[in-house]
C-alpha atoms as a PDB file:
ATOM      1  CA  MET A   1     -21.211 -62.771 -51.829  1.00  0.00           C
ATOM      2  CA  ASN A   2     -18.807 -61.686 -49.047  1.00  0.00           C
ATOM      3  CA  ARG A   3     -18.324 -58.113 -49.940  1.00  0.00           C
ATOM      4  CA  ARG A   4     -16.727 -55.283 -47.955  1.00  0.00           C
ATOM      5  CA  HIS A   5     -17.192 -51.682 -48.911  1.00  0.00           C
ATOM      6  CA  PHE A   6     -15.022 -48.827 -47.715  1.00  0.00           C
ATOM      7  CA  ILE A   7     -16.341 -45.445 -48.704  1.00  0.00           C
ATOM      8  CA  SER A   8     -14.834 -41.998 -48.360  1.00  0.00           C
ATOM      9  CA  THR A   9     -15.868 -38.657 -49.948  1.00  0.00           C
ATOM     10  CA  THR A  10     -13.705 -35.604 -50.229  1.00  0.00           C
ATOM     11  CA  GLY A  11     -14.431 -32.152 -51.723  1.00  0.00           C
ATOM     12  CA  LEU A  12     -11.804 -31.291 -54.304  1.00  0.00           C
ATOM     13  CA  ALA A  13     -12.527 -27.626 -53.995  1.00  0.00           C
ATOM     14  CA  THR A  14     -11.167 -27.712 -50.437  1.00  0.00           C
ATOM     15  CA  LEU A  15      -8.019 -29.280 -51.823  1.00  0.00           C
ATOM     16  CA  GLY A  16      -7.503 -26.556 -54.400  1.00  0.00           C
ATOM     17  CA  ALA A  17      -8.937 -28.906 -57.068  1.00  0.00           C
ATOM     18  CA  LEU A  18      -6.779 -31.685 -58.559  1.00  0.00           C
ATOM     19  CA  SER A  19      -4.612 -29.335 -60.506  1.00  0.00           C
ATOM     20  CA  GLY A  20      -3.343 -25.789 -60.723  1.00  0.00           C
ATOM     21  CA  SER A  21      -4.366 -25.783 -64.425  1.00  0.00           C
ATOM     22  CA  LEU A  22      -7.642 -27.626 -63.829  1.00  0.00           C
ATOM     23  CA  GLU A  23     -10.269 -25.295 -62.316  1.00  0.00           C
ATOM     24  CA  LEU A  24     -13.044 -27.750 -62.242  1.00  0.00           C
ATOM     25  CA  LYS A  25     -15.863 -25.337 -61.252  1.00  0.00           C
ATOM     26  CA  ALA A  26     -14.744 -22.604 -63.666  1.00  0.00           C
ATOM     27  CA  GLN A  27     -15.085 -24.472 -66.964  1.00  0.00           C
ATOM     28  CA  PRO A  28     -18.632 -24.764 -68.357  1.00  0.00           C
ATOM     29  CA  MET A  29     -17.549 -27.492 -70.771  1.00  0.00           C
ATOM     30  CA  TYR A  30     -17.340 -29.891 -67.716  1.00  0.00           C
ATOM     31  CA  ARG A  31     -20.983 -29.215 -66.647  1.00  0.00           C
ATOM     32  CA  GLY A  32     -22.561 -32.552 -65.773  1.00  0.00           C
ATOM     33  CA  LYS A  33     -19.309 -34.509 -66.522  1.00  0.00           C
ATOM     34  CA  LYS A  34     -18.592 -37.379 -64.235  1.00  0.00           C
ATOM     35  CA  LEU A  35     -15.774 -39.890 -64.657  1.00  0.00           C
ATOM     36  CA  THR A  36     -15.712 -43.279 -62.916  1.00  0.00           C
ATOM     37  CA  ILE A  37     -12.238 -44.820 -62.638  1.00  0.00           C
ATOM     38  CA  LEU A  38     -12.099 -48.642 -61.811  1.00  0.00           C
ATOM     39  CA  HIS A  39      -8.751 -50.162 -61.044  1.00  0.00           C
ATOM     40  CA  THR A  40      -6.934 -53.358 -60.067  1.00  0.00           C
ATOM     41  CA  ASN A  41      -3.333 -54.296 -59.385  1.00  0.00           C
ATOM     42  CA  ASP A  42      -1.356 -57.446 -58.595  1.00  0.00           C
ATOM     43  CA  THR A  43      -4.127 -59.814 -59.575  1.00  0.00           C
ATOM     44  CA  HIS A  44      -1.437 -62.600 -60.020  1.00  0.00           C
ATOM     45  CA  SER A  45      -3.376 -64.997 -62.138  1.00  0.00           C
ATOM     46  CA  ASN A  46      -6.151 -65.410 -59.577  1.00  0.00           C
ATOM     47  CA  ILE A  47      -8.906 -66.599 -61.771  1.00  0.00           C
ATOM     48  CA  ASP A  48     -11.081 -68.445 -59.194  1.00  0.00           C
ATOM     49  CA  PRO A  49     -12.344 -67.103 -55.807  1.00  0.00           C
ATOM     50  CA  PHE A  50     -10.418 -68.027 -52.737  1.00  0.00           C
ATOM     51  CA  PRO A  51     -11.664 -71.233 -51.152  1.00  0.00           C
ATOM     52  CA  LEU A  52     -14.586 -70.954 -48.655  1.00  0.00           C
ATOM     53  CA  SER A  53     -12.224 -72.400 -46.030  1.00  0.00           C
ATOM     54  CA  HIS A  54      -9.741 -69.565 -46.453  1.00  0.00           C
ATOM     55  CA  ALA A  55      -9.012 -67.998 -43.043  1.00  0.00           C
ATOM     56  CA  LYS A  56      -8.893 -64.359 -44.186  1.00  0.00           C
ATOM     57  CA  TYR A  57     -10.732 -64.066 -47.539  1.00  0.00           C
ATOM     58  CA  PRO A  58     -13.330 -66.983 -47.658  1.00  0.00           C
ATOM     59  CA  GLY A  59     -15.065 -67.149 -51.023  1.00  0.00           C
ATOM     60  CA  MET A  60     -13.716 -63.652 -51.985  1.00  0.00           C
ATOM     61  CA  GLY A  61     -12.198 -62.683 -55.394  1.00  0.00           C
ATOM     62  CA  GLY A  62     -12.557 -64.401 -58.790  1.00  0.00           C
ATOM     63  CA  VAL A  63     -12.792 -62.983 -62.314  1.00  0.00           C
ATOM     64  CA  ALA A  64     -16.439 -63.884 -62.771  1.00  0.00           C
ATOM     65  CA  LYS A  65     -17.577 -61.733 -59.775  1.00  0.00           C
ATOM     66  CA  ARG A  66     -15.245 -58.958 -60.826  1.00  0.00           C
ATOM     67  CA  ALA A  67     -16.650 -58.997 -64.293  1.00  0.00           C
ATOM     68  CA  ALA A  68     -20.253 -58.882 -63.016  1.00  0.00           C
ATOM     69  CA  LEU A  69     -19.423 -56.013 -60.711  1.00  0.00           C
ATOM     70  CA  ILE A  70     -17.753 -54.032 -63.581  1.00  0.00           C
ATOM     71  CA  GLU A  71     -20.703 -54.665 -65.885  1.00  0.00           C
ATOM     72  CA  LYS A  72     -23.126 -53.405 -63.203  1.00  0.00           C
ATOM     73  CA  ILE A  73     -21.139 -50.201 -62.692  1.00  0.00           C
ATOM     74  CA  ARG A  74     -20.952 -49.668 -66.440  1.00  0.00           C
ATOM     75  CA  SER A  75     -24.759 -50.043 -66.568  1.00  0.00           C
ATOM     76  CA  GLU A  76     -25.153 -47.232 -63.952  1.00  0.00           C
ATOM     77  CA  GLU A  77     -22.429 -44.796 -65.107  1.00  0.00           C
ATOM     78  CA  GLU A  78     -21.911 -43.187 -68.541  1.00  0.00           C
ATOM     79  CA  HIS A  79     -18.120 -42.716 -68.509  1.00  0.00           C
ATOM     80  CA  VAL A  80     -16.106 -45.543 -66.994  1.00  0.00           C
ATOM     81  CA  LEU A  81     -12.319 -46.285 -67.194  1.00  0.00           C
ATOM     82  CA  LEU A  82     -10.932 -49.715 -66.196  1.00  0.00           C
ATOM     83  CA  LEU A  83      -7.207 -49.858 -65.571  1.00  0.00           C
ATOM     84  CA  ASP A  84      -4.571 -52.244 -64.178  1.00  0.00           C
ATOM     85  CA  SER A  85      -1.223 -51.478 -62.506  1.00  0.00           C
ATOM     86  CA  GLY A  86       0.653 -54.623 -63.298  1.00  0.00           C
ATOM     87  CA  ASP A  87       1.606 -58.037 -61.987  1.00  0.00           C
ATOM     88  CA  ILE A  88      -1.146 -59.708 -64.032  1.00  0.00           C
ATOM     89  CA  PHE A  89       0.905 -62.866 -64.245  1.00  0.00           C
ATOM     90  CA  GLN A  90       2.234 -65.559 -61.806  1.00  0.00           C
ATOM     91  CA  GLY A  91       0.627 -66.899 -58.668  1.00  0.00           C
ATOM     92  CA  THR A  92      -1.676 -69.853 -59.623  1.00  0.00           C
ATOM     93  CA  PRO A  93      -1.500 -73.003 -61.808  1.00  0.00           C
ATOM     94  CA  TYR A  94      -3.505 -71.133 -64.483  1.00  0.00           C
ATOM     95  CA  PHE A  95      -0.394 -69.170 -65.339  1.00  0.00           C
ATOM     96  CA  ASN A  96       1.801 -72.213 -65.430  1.00  0.00           C
ATOM     97  CA  ARG A  97      -0.595 -73.866 -67.784  1.00  0.00           C
ATOM     98  CA  TYR A  98      -1.668 -71.071 -70.096  1.00  0.00           C
ATOM     99  CA  ARG A  99       1.389 -68.841 -69.967  1.00  0.00           C
ATOM    100  CA  GLY A 100      -0.505 -65.575 -69.545  1.00  0.00           C
ATOM    101  CA  VAL A 101      -2.912 -66.157 -72.412  1.00  0.00           C
ATOM    102  CA  LEU A 102      -5.963 -66.780 -70.214  1.00  0.00           C
ATOM    103  CA  GLU A 103      -5.278 -63.567 -68.184  1.00  0.00           C
ATOM    104  CA  MET A 104      -5.137 -61.545 -71.350  1.00  0.00           C
ATOM    105  CA  LYS A 105      -8.367 -63.055 -72.749  1.00  0.00           C
ATOM    106  CA  LEU A 106     -10.193 -62.483 -69.526  1.00  0.00           C
ATOM    107  CA  MET A 107      -9.051 -58.845 -69.181  1.00  0.00           C
ATOM    108  CA  SER A 108     -10.048 -58.255 -72.814  1.00  0.00           C
ATOM    109  CA  ALA A 109     -13.485 -59.690 -72.109  1.00  0.00           C
ATOM    110  CA  MET A 110     -13.791 -57.313 -69.177  1.00  0.00           C
ATOM    111  CA  GLN A 111     -12.829 -54.475 -71.565  1.00  0.00           C
ATOM    112  CA  TYR A 112      -9.909 -53.067 -69.749  1.00  0.00           C
ATOM    113  CA  ASP A 113      -8.828 -49.703 -71.207  1.00  0.00           C
ATOM    114  CA  ALA A 114      -5.182 -49.983 -70.380  1.00  0.00           C
ATOM    115  CA  ALA A 115      -2.601 -51.636 -68.168  1.00  0.00           C
ATOM    116  CA  THR A 116       1.088 -51.248 -67.231  1.00  0.00           C
ATOM    117  CA  MET A 117       3.632 -54.121 -66.754  1.00  0.00           C
ATOM    118  CA  GLY A 118       4.746 -55.327 -63.311  1.00  0.00           C
ATOM    119  CA  ASN A 119       7.945 -57.269 -62.659  1.00  0.00           C
ATOM    120  CA  HIS A 120       6.097 -60.586 -62.743  1.00  0.00           C
ATOM    121  CA  ASP A 121       4.878 -59.824 -66.147  1.00  0.00           C
ATOM    122  CA  PHE A 122       8.415 -60.647 -67.231  1.00  0.00           C
ATOM    123  CA  ASP A 123       8.403 -64.101 -65.703  1.00  0.00           C
ATOM    124  CA  ILE A 124       8.095 -65.883 -69.036  1.00  0.00           C
ATOM    125  CA  GLY A 125      10.492 -63.523 -70.736  1.00  0.00           C
ATOM    126  CA  LEU A 126       9.925 -60.836 -73.356  1.00  0.00           C
ATOM    127  CA  GLU A 127       9.000 -63.396 -75.980  1.00  0.00           C
ATOM    128  CA  GLY A 128       6.562 -65.043 -73.579  1.00  0.00           C
ATOM    129  CA  PHE A 129       4.887 -61.721 -72.800  1.00  0.00           C
ATOM    130  CA  LYS A 130       4.661 -60.866 -76.444  1.00  0.00           C
ATOM    131  CA  ASN A 131       2.983 -64.220 -77.256  1.00  0.00           C
ATOM    132  CA  ALA A 132       0.419 -63.643 -74.459  1.00  0.00           C
ATOM    133  CA  GLN A 133      -0.103 -59.997 -75.487  1.00  0.00           C
ATOM    134  CA  LYS A 134      -1.505 -61.194 -78.782  1.00  0.00           C
ATOM    135  CA  PHE A 135      -4.649 -61.911 -76.961  1.00  0.00           C
ATOM    136  CA  ALA A 136      -4.985 -58.504 -75.341  1.00  0.00           C
ATOM    137  CA  ASN A 137      -7.221 -55.976 -77.049  1.00  0.00           C
ATOM    138  CA  PHE A 138      -6.036 -53.165 -74.692  1.00  0.00           C
ATOM    139  CA  PRO A 139      -2.766 -51.241 -74.667  1.00  0.00           C
ATOM    140  CA  PHE A 140       0.159 -51.485 -72.182  1.00  0.00           C
ATOM    141  CA  VAL A 141       1.689 -48.165 -71.234  1.00  0.00           C
ATOM    142  CA  CYS A 142       5.321 -48.463 -70.104  1.00  0.00           C
ATOM    143  CA  SER A 143       7.051 -45.112 -70.006  1.00  0.00           C
ATOM    144  CA  ASN A 144      10.375 -45.917 -68.299  1.00  0.00           C
ATOM    145  CA  TYR A 145      11.019 -49.339 -69.823  1.00  0.00           C
ATOM    146  CA  ASP A 146      12.859 -48.737 -73.117  1.00  0.00           C
ATOM    147  CA  PHE A 147      12.238 -51.815 -75.321  1.00  0.00           C
ATOM    148  CA  LYS A 148      13.859 -50.557 -78.474  1.00  0.00           C
ATOM    149  CA  ASP A 149      16.512 -53.282 -78.595  1.00  0.00           C
ATOM    150  CA  THR A 150      14.108 -56.108 -77.679  1.00  0.00           C
ATOM    151  CA  VAL A 151      11.257 -58.040 -79.197  1.00  0.00           C
ATOM    152  CA  LEU A 152       8.842 -55.767 -77.432  1.00  0.00           C
ATOM    153  CA  GLN A 153       9.846 -52.744 -79.534  1.00  0.00           C
ATOM    154  CA  GLY A 154       6.630 -51.080 -80.466  1.00  0.00           C
ATOM    155  CA  ALA A 155       4.506 -53.415 -78.383  1.00  0.00           C
ATOM    156  CA  THR A 156       3.889 -50.890 -75.560  1.00  0.00           C
ATOM    157  CA  LEU A 157       3.077 -47.217 -75.487  1.00  0.00           C
ATOM    158  CA  PRO A 158       5.013 -44.509 -73.607  1.00  0.00           C
ATOM    159  CA  HIS A 159       1.756 -42.632 -72.950  1.00  0.00           C
ATOM    160  CA  LEU A 160      -1.880 -42.634 -74.047  1.00  0.00           C
ATOM    161  CA  ILE A 161      -4.683 -40.136 -74.281  1.00  0.00           C
ATOM    162  CA  LEU A 162      -8.246 -41.530 -73.841  1.00  0.00           C
ATOM    163  CA  LYS A 163     -11.411 -39.525 -74.433  1.00  0.00           C
ATOM    164  CA  LYS A 164     -14.443 -39.986 -72.301  1.00  0.00           C
ATOM    165  CA  GLY A 165     -17.391 -37.642 -72.712  1.00  0.00           C
ATOM    166  CA  GLY A 166     -15.369 -34.773 -74.036  1.00  0.00           C
ATOM    167  CA  LEU A 167     -12.653 -35.183 -71.305  1.00  0.00           C
ATOM    168  CA  ARG A 168      -9.110 -35.953 -72.202  1.00  0.00           C
ATOM    169  CA  ILE A 169      -7.462 -38.395 -69.804  1.00  0.00           C
ATOM    170  CA  GLY A 170      -3.685 -38.732 -70.107  1.00  0.00           C
ATOM    171  CA  LEU A 171      -2.230 -42.078 -69.085  1.00  0.00           C
ATOM    172  CA  PHE A 172       1.317 -43.343 -68.601  1.00  0.00           C
ATOM    173  CA  GLY A 173       3.056 -46.185 -66.815  1.00  0.00           C
ATOM    174  CA  ILE A 174       6.072 -46.288 -64.457  1.00  0.00           C
ATOM    175  CA  GLY A 175       7.633 -49.509 -63.534  1.00  0.00           C
ATOM    176  CA  VAL A 176      10.019 -50.735 -60.823  1.00  0.00           C
ATOM    177  CA  ASN A 177      13.744 -51.450 -61.479  1.00  0.00           C
ATOM    178  CA  LEU A 178      13.875 -55.002 -62.762  1.00  0.00           C
ATOM    179  CA  LYS A 179      17.499 -55.617 -61.700  1.00  0.00           C
ATOM    180  CA  GLY A 180      17.521 -58.006 -58.781  1.00  0.00           C
ATOM    181  CA  LEU A 181      13.796 -58.730 -59.142  1.00  0.00           C
ATOM    182  CA  VAL A 182      13.846 -60.398 -62.483  1.00  0.00           C
ATOM    183  CA  GLY A 183      16.412 -62.649 -64.076  1.00  0.00           C
ATOM    184  CA  LYS A 184      18.446 -60.840 -66.679  1.00  0.00           C
ATOM    185  CA  SER A 185      17.497 -63.339 -69.348  1.00  0.00           C
ATOM    186  CA  ASN A 186      13.858 -62.480 -68.732  1.00  0.00           C
ATOM    187  CA  TYR A 187      14.180 -58.803 -69.520  1.00  0.00           C
ATOM    188  CA  GLY A 188      17.195 -58.897 -71.810  1.00  0.00           C
ATOM    189  CA  ASN A 189      18.222 -55.519 -73.279  1.00  0.00           C
ATOM    190  CA  THR A 190      15.335 -53.578 -71.714  1.00  0.00           C
ATOM    191  CA  ASN A 191      16.784 -50.280 -70.631  1.00  0.00           C
ATOM    192  CA  TYR A 192      15.463 -48.879 -67.371  1.00  0.00           C
ATOM    193  CA  LEU A 193      14.987 -45.134 -67.376  1.00  0.00           C
ATOM    194  CA  ASP A 194      14.845 -42.880 -64.272  1.00  0.00           C
ATOM    195  CA  PRO A 195      11.191 -42.944 -63.135  1.00  0.00           C
ATOM    196  CA  ILE A 196      11.126 -39.406 -61.801  1.00  0.00           C
ATOM    197  CA  ALA A 197      12.633 -37.799 -64.780  1.00  0.00           C
ATOM    198  CA  ILE A 198      10.407 -39.784 -67.205  1.00  0.00           C
ATOM    199  CA  ALA A 199       7.216 -39.124 -65.122  1.00  0.00           C
ATOM    200  CA  ASN A 200       7.943 -35.363 -65.170  1.00  0.00           C
ATOM    201  CA  GLU A 201       8.628 -35.383 -68.786  1.00  0.00           C
ATOM    202  CA  THR A 202       5.593 -37.412 -69.770  1.00  0.00           C
ATOM    203  CA  ALA A 203       3.171 -35.579 -67.416  1.00  0.00           C
ATOM    204  CA  ALA A 204       4.357 -32.233 -68.860  1.00  0.00           C
ATOM    205  CA  TYR A 205       3.794 -33.497 -72.396  1.00  0.00           C
ATOM    206  CA  LEU A 206       0.291 -34.697 -71.520  1.00  0.00           C
ATOM    207  CA  LYS A 207      -0.504 -31.352 -69.886  1.00  0.00           C
ATOM    208  CA  ASP A 208       0.631 -29.534 -73.002  1.00  0.00           C
ATOM    209  CA  LYS A 209      -1.625 -31.805 -75.097  1.00  0.00           C
ATOM    210  CA  GLY A 210      -4.579 -30.395 -73.138  1.00  0.00           C
ATOM    211  CA  CYS A 211      -5.310 -33.391 -70.850  1.00  0.00           C
ATOM    212  CA  ASP A 212      -8.007 -32.643 -68.231  1.00  0.00           C
ATOM    213  CA  LEU A 213      -6.751 -35.438 -65.951  1.00  0.00           C
ATOM    214  CA  ILE A 214      -3.316 -36.980 -65.858  1.00  0.00           C
ATOM    215  CA  LEU A 215      -3.040 -40.479 -64.378  1.00  0.00           C
ATOM    216  CA  CYS A 216       0.037 -42.635 -63.633  1.00  0.00           C
ATOM    217  CA  LEU A 217      -0.169 -46.420 -63.566  1.00  0.00           C
ATOM    218  CA  SER A 218       2.677 -47.237 -61.198  1.00  0.00           C
ATOM    219  CA  HIS A 219       4.322 -50.487 -60.365  1.00  0.00           C
ATOM    220  CA  LEU A 220       6.908 -48.933 -58.022  1.00  0.00           C
ATOM    221  CA  GLY A 221       5.313 -49.881 -54.666  1.00  0.00           C
ATOM    222  CA  PHE A 222       3.642 -47.657 -52.155  1.00  0.00           C
ATOM    223  CA  GLU A 223       6.443 -46.859 -49.721  1.00  0.00           C
ATOM    224  CA  TYR A 224       9.768 -48.292 -48.364  1.00  0.00           C
ATOM    225  CA  ALA A 225      11.895 -47.874 -45.327  1.00  0.00           C
ATOM    226  CA  SER A 226      14.807 -47.391 -47.614  1.00  0.00           C
ATOM    227  CA  ASN A 227      15.381 -44.661 -50.251  1.00  0.00           C
ATOM    228  CA  GLN A 228      13.914 -46.766 -52.938  1.00  0.00           C
ATOM    229  CA  ILE A 229      11.649 -44.846 -55.279  1.00  0.00           C
ATOM    230  CA  SER A 230       8.025 -45.424 -54.326  1.00  0.00           C
ATOM    231  CA  ASP A 231       4.579 -43.914 -55.205  1.00  0.00           C
ATOM    232  CA  LYS A 232       4.978 -41.515 -52.332  1.00  0.00           C
ATOM    233  CA  VAL A 233       8.396 -40.381 -53.572  1.00  0.00           C
ATOM    234  CA  LEU A 234       7.009 -40.168 -57.115  1.00  0.00           C
ATOM    235  CA  ALA A 235       4.153 -37.963 -55.985  1.00  0.00           C
ATOM    236  CA  ALA A 236       6.425 -35.652 -53.968  1.00  0.00           C
ATOM    237  CA  GLN A 237       9.037 -35.178 -56.680  1.00  0.00           C
ATOM    238  CA  THR A 238       6.840 -34.643 -59.701  1.00  0.00           C
ATOM    239  CA  SER A 239       4.430 -32.123 -61.196  1.00  0.00           C
ATOM    240  CA  ASN A 240       1.151 -32.346 -63.234  1.00  0.00           C
ATOM    241  CA  ILE A 241       0.154 -35.814 -62.031  1.00  0.00           C
ATOM    242  CA  HIS A 242      -3.377 -35.918 -60.479  1.00  0.00           C
ATOM    243  CA  LEU A 243      -3.759 -39.542 -59.608  1.00  0.00           C
ATOM    244  CA  ILE A 244      -1.248 -42.420 -59.020  1.00  0.00           C
ATOM    245  CA  LEU A 245      -2.786 -45.881 -59.129  1.00  0.00           C
ATOM    246  CA  GLY A 246      -0.141 -48.216 -57.696  1.00  0.00           C
ATOM    247  CA  GLY A 247       0.958 -51.787 -57.342  1.00  0.00           C
ATOM    248  CA  HIS A 248       3.795 -54.048 -56.428  1.00  0.00           C
ATOM    249  CA  THR A 249       3.662 -53.887 -52.654  1.00  0.00           C
ATOM    250  CA  HIS A 250       0.140 -55.370 -52.378  1.00  0.00           C
ATOM    251  CA  THR A 251      -0.891 -52.410 -50.217  1.00  0.00           C
ATOM    252  CA  PHE A 252      -4.555 -52.183 -49.357  1.00  0.00           C
ATOM    253  CA  LEU A 253      -5.580 -48.599 -48.782  1.00  0.00           C
ATOM    254  CA  GLU A 254      -9.031 -47.943 -47.387  1.00  0.00           C
ATOM    255  CA  LYS A 255      -8.904 -44.545 -48.912  1.00  0.00           C
ATOM    256  CA  PRO A 256      -6.616 -42.796 -51.290  1.00  0.00           C
ATOM    257  CA  LEU A 257      -3.590 -41.020 -49.726  1.00  0.00           C
ATOM    258  CA  LEU A 258      -3.533 -37.278 -50.401  1.00  0.00           C
ATOM    259  CA  MET A 259      -0.057 -35.835 -50.862  1.00  0.00           C
ATOM    260  CA  GLU A 260       1.463 -32.585 -52.168  1.00  0.00           C
ATOM    261  CA  ASN A 261       3.678 -32.669 -55.264  1.00  0.00           C
ATOM    262  CA  ARG A 262       6.796 -30.605 -55.703  1.00  0.00           C
ATOM    263  CA  ASP A 263       4.611 -27.573 -56.563  1.00  0.00           C
ATOM    264  CA  LYS A 264       2.592 -28.012 -53.340  1.00  0.00           C
ATOM    265  CA  LYS A 265      -0.464 -29.217 -55.338  1.00  0.00           C
ATOM    266  CA  PRO A 266      -2.507 -32.322 -54.451  1.00  0.00           C
ATOM    267  CA  VAL A 267      -1.894 -35.790 -55.737  1.00  0.00           C
ATOM    268  CA  LEU A 268      -4.006 -38.822 -54.959  1.00  0.00           C
ATOM    269  CA  ILE A 269      -2.330 -42.263 -54.519  1.00  0.00           C
ATOM    270  CA  ASN A 270      -4.344 -45.462 -54.343  1.00  0.00           C
ATOM    271  CA  GLN A 271      -3.718 -49.217 -54.364  1.00  0.00           C
ATOM    272  CA  THR A 272      -6.130 -52.147 -54.026  1.00  0.00           C
ATOM    273  CA  GLY A 273      -4.139 -55.014 -52.291  1.00  0.00           C
ATOM    274  CA  TRP A 274      -3.686 -58.034 -54.434  1.00  0.00           C
ATOM    275  CA  ALA A 275      -5.200 -61.177 -56.053  1.00  0.00           C
ATOM    276  CA  GLY A 276      -8.322 -59.316 -57.396  1.00  0.00           C
ATOM    277  CA  LEU A 277      -9.924 -59.307 -53.973  1.00  0.00           C
ATOM    278  CA  PHE A 278     -10.876 -55.691 -54.303  1.00  0.00           C
ATOM    279  CA  LEU A 279     -11.836 -53.336 -57.072  1.00  0.00           C
ATOM    280  CA  GLY A 280     -10.903 -49.674 -56.586  1.00  0.00           C
ATOM    281  CA  ARG A 281     -13.375 -47.051 -57.671  1.00  0.00           C
ATOM    282  CA  ILE A 282     -12.860 -43.334 -57.927  1.00  0.00           C
ATOM    283  CA  ASP A 283     -15.594 -41.005 -59.094  1.00  0.00           C
ATOM    284  CA  ILE A 284     -14.730 -37.509 -60.150  1.00  0.00           C
ATOM    285  CA  ASP A 285     -17.563 -35.041 -60.577  1.00  0.00           C
ATOM    286  CA  PHE A 286     -16.308 -32.247 -62.709  1.00  0.00           C
ATOM    287  CA  GLN A 287     -19.336 -30.083 -62.127  1.00  0.00           C
ATOM    288  CA  LYS A 288     -19.335 -30.111 -58.312  1.00  0.00           C
ATOM    289  CA  ALA A 289     -15.525 -30.472 -58.006  1.00  0.00           C
ATOM    290  CA  LEU A 290     -15.799 -33.524 -55.870  1.00  0.00           C
ATOM    291  CA  PHE A 291     -14.439 -36.971 -55.828  1.00  0.00           C
ATOM    292  CA  SER A 292     -15.629 -40.031 -54.047  1.00  0.00           C
ATOM    293  CA  HIS A 293     -13.878 -43.339 -53.421  1.00  0.00           C
ATOM    294  CA  LYS A 294     -15.043 -46.878 -52.868  1.00  0.00           C
ATOM    295  CA  MET A 295     -12.998 -49.993 -52.233  1.00  0.00           C
ATOM    296  CA  LEU A 296     -15.232 -52.791 -53.379  1.00  0.00           C
ATOM    297  CA  GLY A 297     -14.566 -56.191 -52.030  1.00  0.00           C
ATOM    298  CA  ILE A 298     -15.313 -58.973 -54.534  1.00  0.00           C
END
């Protein structure tokens, strides 16, 4: 297997921990608690590995190798989350043939905990997504797409709280503006809500619900030369978010970007490129107040 590993380790205590309200060393309930977060984005229906003749990624990627790697990590770690930041659909003949059903079945088999929708997940329309979603046994969190006047009403969640080893992890999803990216007929009466306002509202709600970690699955894109809202803008203009796992721009980050939010507290941003070539891994040790990061080439 052609695998590339990029590893960085940073002490959260030197960053003031990941939250003003989360004093990791001070709470005995966290003693011995470690959370492993695995994440993907923009997999784009890449089921098979890249050809061995590929100039840049020979033999890399593929769902079977990703599944084996995830299974290995789960056998080694007690508390694991597996998440995706959108654009599951579109990119290979598998999508054209199976209309998203195969992707949903494979992600279910890998036991994803949650995902958000990217713009290409609208490529077969709302009805097409709904038909494929029947084969997903994991939830989609979409906080700033209002589907109340569409066939997707009730099909996604605005936020989600997952419990792992006594920890409460709050999740929500923020998507890119579909206008100009997706044909109007494909998103219909979906109402796009302001991502900054919704992110602040949702993160505050999750904080009030006692979440130990608040995580945003974003499909905004990492950064732009224009004033378009990106993950970096989201981080700078919000509060209470600890980690933004991004997508859309196919950005490969060798290590997460550390930024300050509007309250001058740290936010981590990460993205894993595209096509399922890499699996992001972030380990948070709540006893030692440390996080470590690995970008695992598949």
